[in-house]
Amino acid sequence: MPELDGNALAGDLAEVFAVEMTAARFTCGGCRHSGTVATLRVWTPAPGVVGRCPGCGDVLLRLVRTPRSVFVTLGTTRLELDV
């Protein structure tokens, strides 16, 4: 099987992130609580938005906007998107 670069993900990522993300389901790595993103406990006055597990309070999602980028951190993975 040939190894491809990240461009091979373009179609799949466009399809996945083009939907209503608050309906996406999560499972907390800390307490195994699961639910939809809409049920996360969210704090906004920080430099960005922090979504915490309603079961144990672990941070599940961080979103920070700058004039040029949006940084989305899910677990230990951070995505930077140009805006």
Foldseek 3Di string as FASTA:
>chain_A
DDDDDPVVCVVVVCVVVVDDQQQDKDADPPPRDIDGNVPFDWDQPDQWIWTADPVPGHTAWTWHDDPFWIWIDGPNDIDIGGD
